[in-house]
Amino acid sequence: MTATTTKSSDLRIGENIKKKLRRMYSERVTKSMTPDQKVVLAISTIADLDPMDRLSLSSPTEEERLNKMINYMIR
């Protein structure tokens, strides 16, 4: 497998995860939720999808990446 194939596969996996996170979040969110409640819901949705932390989002060095995923889900 070439480096290009691996990179392409990784990108597809990332897009699939993002789509699934967004779908899971959309199924759970309600219009009456406050912005803080929406952030908590986004975090719990990520935790539900990735209980073993394979995405490594719980590490302090990945805070920016986690925030980007949360913002992607709640917009």
PDB file of N, CA and C in Angstrom:
ATOM      1  N   MET A   1       0.840  -1.173   0.000  1.00  0.00           N
ATOM      2  CA  MET A   1       0.000   0.000   0.000  1.00  0.00           C
ATOM      3  C   MET A   1       0.886   1.236   0.000  1.00  0.00           C
ATOM      4  N   THR A   2       0.567   2.192  -0.829  1.00  0.00           N
ATOM      5  CA  THR A   2       1.377   3.401  -0.930  1.00  0.00           C
ATOM      6  C   THR A   2       0.976   4.402   0.145  1.00  0.00           C
ATOM      7  N   ALA A   3       1.828   5.394   0.348  1.00  0.00           N
ATOM      8  CA  ALA A   3       1.540   6.436   1.330  1.00  0.00           C
ATOM      9  C   ALA A   3       0.278   7.211   0.953  1.00  0.00           C
ATOM     10  N   THR A   4       0.064   7.408  -0.336  1.00  0.00           N
ATOM     11  CA  THR A   4      -1.129   8.124  -0.803  1.00  0.00           C
ATOM     12  C   THR A   4      -2.394   7.351  -0.448  1.00  0.00           C
ATOM     13  N   THR A   5      -2.371   6.049  -0.655  1.00  0.00           N
ATOM     14  CA  THR A   5      -3.533   5.222  -0.336  1.00  0.00           C
ATOM     15  C   THR A   5      -3.836   5.283   1.150  1.00  0.00           C
ATOM     16  N   THR A   6      -2.813   5.193   1.971  1.00  0.00           N
ATOM     17  CA  THR A   6      -3.011   5.238   3.416  1.00  0.00           C
ATOM     18  C   THR A   6      -3.600   6.574   3.833  1.00  0.00           C
ATOM     19  N   LYS A   7      -3.050   7.664   3.302  1.00  0.00           N
ATOM     20  CA  LYS A   7      -3.551   8.981   3.649  1.00  0.00           C
ATOM     21  C   LYS A   7      -5.007   9.120   3.225  1.00  0.00           C
ATOM     22  N   SER A   8      -5.330   8.673   2.041  1.00  0.00           N
ATOM     23  CA  SER A   8      -6.690   8.741   1.536  1.00  0.00           C
ATOM     24  C   SER A   8      -7.636   7.938   2.428  1.00  0.00           C
ATOM     25  N   SER A   9      -7.216   6.751   2.826  1.00  0.00           N
ATOM     26  CA  SER A   9      -8.033   5.913   3.695  1.00  0.00           C
ATOM     27  C   SER A   9      -8.259   6.596   5.035  1.00  0.00           C
ATOM     28  N   ASP A  10      -7.213   7.200   5.594  1.00  0.00           N
ATOM     29  CA  ASP A  10      -7.338   7.904   6.867  1.00  0.00           C
ATOM     30  C   ASP A  10      -8.323   9.057   6.760  1.00  0.00           C
ATOM     31  N   LEU A  11      -8.300   9.764   5.638  1.00  0.00           N
ATOM     32  CA  LEU A  11      -9.218  10.882   5.450  1.00  0.00           C
ATOM     33  C   LEU A  11     -10.658  10.399   5.388  1.00  0.00           C
ATOM     34  N   ARG A  12     -10.891   9.290   4.702  1.00  0.00           N
ATOM     35  CA  ARG A  12     -12.245   8.741   4.617  1.00  0.00           C
ATOM     36  C   ARG A  12     -12.728   8.317   5.996  1.00  0.00           C
ATOM     37  N   ILE A  13     -11.869   7.684   6.770  1.00  0.00           N
ATOM     38  CA  ILE A  13     -12.246   7.265   8.113  1.00  0.00           C
ATOM     39  C   ILE A  13     -12.599   8.483   8.950  1.00  0.00           C
ATOM     40  N   GLY A  14     -11.807   9.530   8.848  1.00  0.00           N
ATOM     41  CA  GLY A  14     -12.084  10.757   9.591  1.00  0.00           C
ATOM     42  C   GLY A  14     -13.413  11.367   9.200  1.00  0.00           C
ATOM     43  N   GLU A  15     -13.703  11.400   7.904  1.00  0.00           N
ATOM     44  CA  GLU A  15     -14.977  11.954   7.440  1.00  0.00           C
ATOM     45  C   GLU A  15     -16.149  11.102   7.914  1.00  0.00           C
ATOM     46  N   ASN A  16     -15.978   9.787   7.908  1.00  0.00           N
ATOM     47  CA  ASN A  16     -17.039   8.905   8.383  1.00  0.00           C
ATOM     48  C   ASN A  16     -17.311   9.119   9.867  1.00  0.00           C
ATOM     49  N   ILE A  17     -16.260   9.290  10.641  1.00  0.00           N
ATOM     50  CA  ILE A  17     -16.427   9.538  12.075  1.00  0.00           C
ATOM     51  C   ILE A  17     -17.137  10.868  12.293  1.00  0.00           C
ATOM     52  N   LYS A  18     -16.722  11.901  11.572  1.00  0.00           N
ATOM     53  CA  LYS A  18     -17.355  13.211  11.715  1.00  0.00           C
ATOM     54  C   LYS A  18     -18.841  13.142  11.364  1.00  0.00           C
ATOM     55  N   LYS A  19     -19.180  12.441  10.295  1.00  0.00           N
ATOM     56  CA  LYS A  19     -20.582  12.316   9.900  1.00  0.00           C
ATOM     57  C   LYS A  19     -21.384  11.575  10.966  1.00  0.00           C
ATOM     58  N   LYS A  20     -20.801  10.517  11.493  1.00  0.00           N
ATOM     59  CA  LYS A  20     -21.507   9.743  12.517  1.00  0.00           C
ATOM     60  C   LYS A  20     -21.694  10.571  13.788  1.00  0.00           C
ATOM     61  N   LEU A  21     -20.660  11.310  14.187  1.00  0.00           N
ATOM     62  CA  LEU A  21     -20.777  12.165  15.364  1.00  0.00           C
ATOM     63  C   LEU A  21     -21.884  13.194  15.177  1.00  0.00           C
ATOM     64  N   ARG A  22     -21.903  13.812  14.029  1.00  0.00           N
ATOM     65  CA  ARG A  22     -22.910  14.837  13.755  1.00  0.00           C
ATOM     66  C   ARG A  22     -24.319  14.241  13.762  1.00  0.00           C
ATOM     67  N   ARG A  23     -24.457  13.060  13.166  1.00  0.00           N
ATOM     68  CA  ARG A  23     -25.764  12.403  13.141  1.00  0.00           C
ATOM     69  C   ARG A  23     -26.222  12.031  14.549  1.00  0.00           C
ATOM     70  N   MET A  24     -25.318  11.450  15.335  1.00  0.00           N
ATOM     71  CA  MET A  24     -25.653  11.072  16.709  1.00  0.00           C
ATOM     72  C   MET A  24     -26.044  12.308  17.526  1.00  0.00           C
ATOM     73  N   TYR A  25     -25.289  13.374  17.361  1.00  0.00           N
ATOM     74  CA  TYR A  25     -25.572  14.615  18.082  1.00  0.00           C
ATOM     75  C   TYR A  25     -26.946  15.169  17.668  1.00  0.00           C
ATOM     76  N   SER A  26     -27.209  15.197  16.370  1.00  0.00           N
ATOM     77  CA  SER A  26     -28.473  15.737  15.861  1.00  0.00           C
ATOM     78  C   SER A  26     -29.676  14.961  16.380  1.00  0.00           C
ATOM     79  N   GLU A  27     -29.513  13.663  16.561  1.00  0.00           N
ATOM     80  CA  GLU A  27     -30.601  12.832  17.074  1.00  0.00           C
ATOM     81  C   GLU A  27     -30.916  13.142  18.541  1.00  0.00           C
ATOM     82  N   ARG A  28     -29.950  13.678  19.276  1.00  0.00           N
ATOM     83  CA  ARG A  28     -30.102  13.888  20.717  1.00  0.00           C
ATOM     84  C   ARG A  28     -30.406  15.336  21.108  1.00  0.00           C
ATOM     85  N   VAL A  29     -30.026  16.286  20.288  1.00  0.00           N
ATOM     86  CA  VAL A  29     -30.144  17.693  20.651  1.00  0.00           C
ATOM     87  C   VAL A  29     -31.604  18.145  20.568  1.00  0.00           C
ATOM     88  N   THR A  30     -31.969  19.071  21.471  1.00  0.00           N
ATOM     89  CA  THR A  30     -33.300  19.662  21.437  1.00  0.00           C
ATOM     90  C   THR A  30     -33.174  21.176  21.320  1.00  0.00           C
ATOM     91  N   LYS A  31     -34.229  21.814  20.842  1.00  0.00           N
ATOM     92  CA  LYS A  31     -34.196  23.262  20.645  1.00  0.00           C
ATOM     93  C   LYS A  31     -34.119  24.024  21.969  1.00  0.00           C
ATOM     94  N   SER A  32     -34.578  23.417  23.042  1.00  0.00           N
ATOM     95  CA  SER A  32     -34.603  24.115  24.331  1.00  0.00           C
ATOM     96  C   SER A  32     -33.265  24.059  25.074  1.00  0.00           C
ATOM     97  N   MET A  33     -32.275  23.368  24.518  1.00  0.00           N
ATOM     98  CA  MET A  33     -30.976  23.254  25.191  1.00  0.00           C
ATOM     99  C   MET A  33     -30.208  24.572  25.130  1.00  0.00           C
ATOM    100  N   THR A  34     -29.517  24.864  26.236  1.00  0.00           N
ATOM    101  CA  THR A  34     -28.652  26.041  26.274  1.00  0.00           C
ATOM    102  C   THR A  34     -27.355  25.717  25.532  1.00  0.00           C
ATOM    103  N   PRO A  35     -26.581  26.741  25.172  1.00  0.00           N
ATOM    104  CA  PRO A  35     -25.290  26.466  24.515  1.00  0.00           C
ATOM    105  C   PRO A  35     -24.374  25.562  25.362  1.00  0.00           C
ATOM    106  N   ASP A  36     -24.361  25.752  26.671  1.00  0.00           N
ATOM    107  CA  ASP A  36     -23.538  24.895  27.527  1.00  0.00           C
ATOM    108  C   ASP A  36     -24.026  23.446  27.497  1.00  0.00           C
ATOM    109  N   GLN A  37     -25.325  23.254  27.489  1.00  0.00           N
ATOM    110  CA  GLN A  37     -25.866  21.903  27.425  1.00  0.00           C
ATOM    111  C   GLN A  37     -25.517  21.241  26.093  1.00  0.00           C
ATOM    112  N   LYS A  38     -25.485  22.032  25.032  1.00  0.00           N
ATOM    113  CA  LYS A  38     -25.121  21.490  23.720  1.00  0.00           C
ATOM    114  C   LYS A  38     -23.668  21.040  23.689  1.00  0.00           C
ATOM    115  N   VAL A  39     -22.792  21.798  24.351  1.00  0.00           N
ATOM    116  CA  VAL A  39     -21.381  21.412  24.422  1.00  0.00           C
ATOM    117  C   VAL A  39     -21.230  20.115  25.213  1.00  0.00           C
ATOM    118  N   VAL A  40     -21.932  20.027  26.340  1.00  0.00           N
ATOM    119  CA  VAL A  40     -21.879  18.803  27.151  1.00  0.00           C
ATOM    120  C   VAL A  40     -22.407  17.616  26.347  1.00  0.00           C
ATOM    121  N   LEU A  41     -23.484  17.824  25.609  1.00  0.00           N
ATOM    122  CA  LEU A  41     -24.028  16.758  24.770  1.00  0.00           C
ATOM    123  C   LEU A  41     -23.022  16.342  23.701  1.00  0.00           C
ATOM    124  N   ALA A  42     -22.347  17.300  23.093  1.00  0.00           N
ATOM    125  CA  ALA A  42     -21.342  16.981  22.068  1.00  0.00           C
ATOM    126  C   ALA A  42     -20.213  16.145  22.672  1.00  0.00           C
ATOM    127  N   ILE A  43     -19.755  16.528  23.855  1.00  0.00           N
ATOM    128  CA  ILE A  43     -18.674  15.776  24.516  1.00  0.00           C
ATOM    129  C   ILE A  43     -19.137  14.363  24.856  1.00  0.00           C
ATOM    130  N   SER A  44     -20.353  14.231  25.374  1.00  0.00           N
ATOM    131  CA  SER A  44     -20.838  12.889  25.723  1.00  0.00           C
ATOM    132  C   SER A  44     -21.066  12.043  24.474  1.00  0.00           C
ATOM    133  N   THR A  45     -21.429  12.680  23.369  1.00  0.00           N
ATOM    134  CA  THR A  45     -21.592  11.950  22.109  1.00  0.00           C
ATOM    135  C   THR A  45     -20.247  11.410  21.629  1.00  0.00           C
ATOM    136  N   ILE A  46     -19.208  12.233  21.741  1.00  0.00           N
ATOM    137  CA  ILE A  46     -17.862  11.778  21.376  1.00  0.00           C
ATOM    138  C   ILE A  46     -17.448  10.619  22.276  1.00  0.00           C
ATOM    139  N   ALA A  47     -17.721  10.740  23.566  1.00  0.00           N
ATOM    140  CA  ALA A  47     -17.362   9.674  24.513  1.00  0.00           C
ATOM    141  C   ALA A  47     -18.122   8.385  24.202  1.00  0.00           C
ATOM    142  N   ASP A  48     -19.394   8.505  23.812  1.00  0.00           N
ATOM    143  CA  ASP A  48     -20.175   7.320  23.458  1.00  0.00           C
ATOM    144  C   ASP A  48     -19.621   6.621  22.220  1.00  0.00           C
ATOM    145  N   LEU A  49     -19.187   7.404  21.250  1.00  0.00           N
ATOM    146  CA  LEU A  49     -18.660   6.822  20.011  1.00  0.00           C
ATOM    147  C   LEU A  49     -17.248   6.271  20.203  1.00  0.00           C
ATOM    148  N   ASP A  50     -16.504   6.857  21.110  1.00  0.00           N
ATOM    149  CA  ASP A  50     -15.089   6.499  21.283  1.00  0.00           C
ATOM    150  C   ASP A  50     -14.765   6.229  22.760  1.00  0.00           C
ATOM    151  N   PRO A  51     -15.383   5.210  23.369  1.00  0.00           N
ATOM    152  CA  PRO A  51     -15.166   4.969  24.800  1.00  0.00           C
ATOM    153  C   PRO A  51     -13.732   4.580  25.173  1.00  0.00           C
ATOM    154  N   MET A  52     -12.984   4.055  24.223  1.00  0.00           N
ATOM    155  CA  MET A  52     -11.599   3.651  24.502  1.00  0.00           C
ATOM    156  C   MET A  52     -10.613   4.770  24.170  1.00  0.00           C
ATOM    157  N   ASP A  53     -11.120   5.942  23.784  1.00  0.00           N
ATOM    158  CA  ASP A  53     -10.311   7.112  23.446  1.00  0.00           C
ATOM    159  C   ASP A  53      -9.294   6.818  22.347  1.00  0.00           C
ATOM    160  N   ARG A  54      -9.736   6.106  21.330  1.00  0.00           N
ATOM    161  CA  ARG A  54      -8.849   5.827  20.191  1.00  0.00           C
ATOM    162  C   ARG A  54      -8.547   7.088  19.395  1.00  0.00           C
ATOM    163  N   LEU A  55      -9.443   8.084  19.490  1.00  0.00           N
ATOM    164  CA  LEU A  55      -9.201   9.348  18.796  1.00  0.00           C
ATOM    165  C   LEU A  55      -8.241  10.240  19.575  1.00  0.00           C
ATOM    166  N   SER A  56      -7.909   9.833  20.787  1.00  0.00           N
ATOM    167  CA  SER A  56      -6.979  10.570  21.659  1.00  0.00           C
ATOM    168  C   SER A  56      -7.432  12.002  21.928  1.00  0.00           C
ATOM    169  N   LEU A  57      -8.717  12.198  22.090  1.00  0.00           N
ATOM    170  CA  LEU A  57      -9.231  13.542  22.305  1.00  0.00           C
ATOM    171  C   LEU A  57      -9.221  13.959  23.770  1.00  0.00           C
ATOM    172  N   SER A  58      -8.963  13.032  24.669  1.00  0.00           N
ATOM    173  CA  SER A  58      -8.969  13.386  26.086  1.00  0.00           C
ATOM    174  C   SER A  58      -7.629  13.939  26.566  1.00  0.00           C
ATOM    175  N   SER A  59      -6.610  13.852  25.736  1.00  0.00           N
ATOM    176  CA  SER A  59      -5.304  14.359  26.146  1.00  0.00           C
ATOM    177  C   SER A  59      -5.290  15.888  26.072  1.00  0.00           C
ATOM    178  N   PRO A  60      -4.633  16.547  27.021  1.00  0.00           N
ATOM    179  CA  PRO A  60      -4.597  18.016  27.033  1.00  0.00           C
ATOM    180  C   PRO A  60      -4.004  18.619  25.756  1.00  0.00           C
ATOM    181  N   THR A  61      -3.125  17.900  25.103  1.00  0.00           N
ATOM    182  CA  THR A  61      -2.514  18.416  23.879  1.00  0.00           C
ATOM    183  C   THR A  61      -3.489  18.409  22.703  1.00  0.00           C
ATOM    184  N   GLU A  62      -4.593  17.695  22.834  1.00  0.00           N
ATOM    185  CA  GLU A  62      -5.575  17.603  21.758  1.00  0.00           C
ATOM    186  C   GLU A  62      -6.799  18.478  22.023  1.00  0.00           C
ATOM    187  N   GLU A  63      -6.686  19.430  22.932  1.00  0.00           N
ATOM    188  CA  GLU A  63      -7.821  20.275  23.281  1.00  0.00           C
ATOM    189  C   GLU A  63      -8.355  21.048  22.068  1.00  0.00           C
ATOM    190  N   GLU A  64      -7.460  21.573  21.252  1.00  0.00           N
ATOM    191  CA  GLU A  64      -7.886  22.327  20.073  1.00  0.00           C
ATOM    192  C   GLU A  64      -8.657  21.437  19.104  1.00  0.00           C
ATOM    193  N   ARG A  65      -8.168  20.231  18.905  1.00  0.00           N
ATOM    194  CA  ARG A  65      -8.835  19.282  18.014  1.00  0.00           C
ATOM    195  C   ARG A  65     -10.218  18.911  18.550  1.00  0.00           C
ATOM    196  N   LEU A  66     -10.304  18.717  19.864  1.00  0.00           N
ATOM    197  CA  LEU A  66     -11.593  18.420  20.495  1.00  0.00           C
ATOM    198  C   LEU A  66     -12.549  19.585  20.301  1.00  0.00           C
ATOM    199  N   ASN A  67     -12.066  20.795  20.509  1.00  0.00           N
ATOM    200  CA  ASN A  67     -12.915  21.974  20.333  1.00  0.00           C
ATOM    201  C   ASN A  67     -13.406  22.103  18.895  1.00  0.00           C
ATOM    202  N   LYS A  68     -12.555  21.781  17.933  1.00  0.00           N
ATOM    203  CA  LYS A  68     -12.966  21.829  16.529  1.00  0.00           C
ATOM    204  C   LYS A  68     -14.080  20.818  16.260  1.00  0.00           C
ATOM    205  N   MET A  69     -13.964  19.626  16.829  1.00  0.00           N
ATOM    206  CA  MET A  69     -14.996  18.605  16.638  1.00  0.00           C
ATOM    207  C   MET A  69     -16.305  19.041  17.287  1.00  0.00           C
ATOM    208  N   ILE A  70     -16.224  19.625  18.475  1.00  0.00           N
ATOM    209  CA  ILE A  70     -17.421  20.106  19.166  1.00  0.00           C
ATOM    210  C   ILE A  70     -18.090  21.193  18.341  1.00  0.00           C
ATOM    211  N   ASN A  71     -17.304  22.151  17.872  1.00  0.00           N
ATOM    212  CA  ASN A  71     -17.857  23.233  17.053  1.00  0.00           C
ATOM    213  C   ASN A  71     -18.484  22.707  15.774  1.00  0.00           C
ATOM    214  N   TYR A  72     -17.874  21.703  15.169  1.00  0.00           N
ATOM    215  CA  TYR A  72     -18.422  21.090  13.960  1.00  0.00           C
ATOM    216  C   TYR A  72     -19.793  20.476  14.251  1.00  0.00           C
ATOM    217  N   MET A  73     -19.916  19.849  15.406  1.00  0.00           N
ATOM    218  CA  MET A  73     -21.170  19.178  15.743  1.00  0.00           C
ATOM    219  C   MET A  73     -22.285  20.166  16.088  1.00  0.00           C
ATOM    220  N   ILE A  74     -21.983  21.231  16.793  1.00  0.00           N
ATOM    221  CA  ILE A  74     -23.044  22.109  17.291  1.00  0.00           C
ATOM    222  C   ILE A  74     -23.425  23.232  16.343  1.00  0.00           C
ATOM    223  N   ARG A  75     -22.684  23.417  15.270  1.00  0.00           N
ATOM    224  CA  ARG A  75     -23.061  24.514  14.353  1.00  0.00           C
ATOM    225  C   ARG A  75     -24.237  24.152  13.507  1.00  0.00           C
TER     226      ARG A  75
END
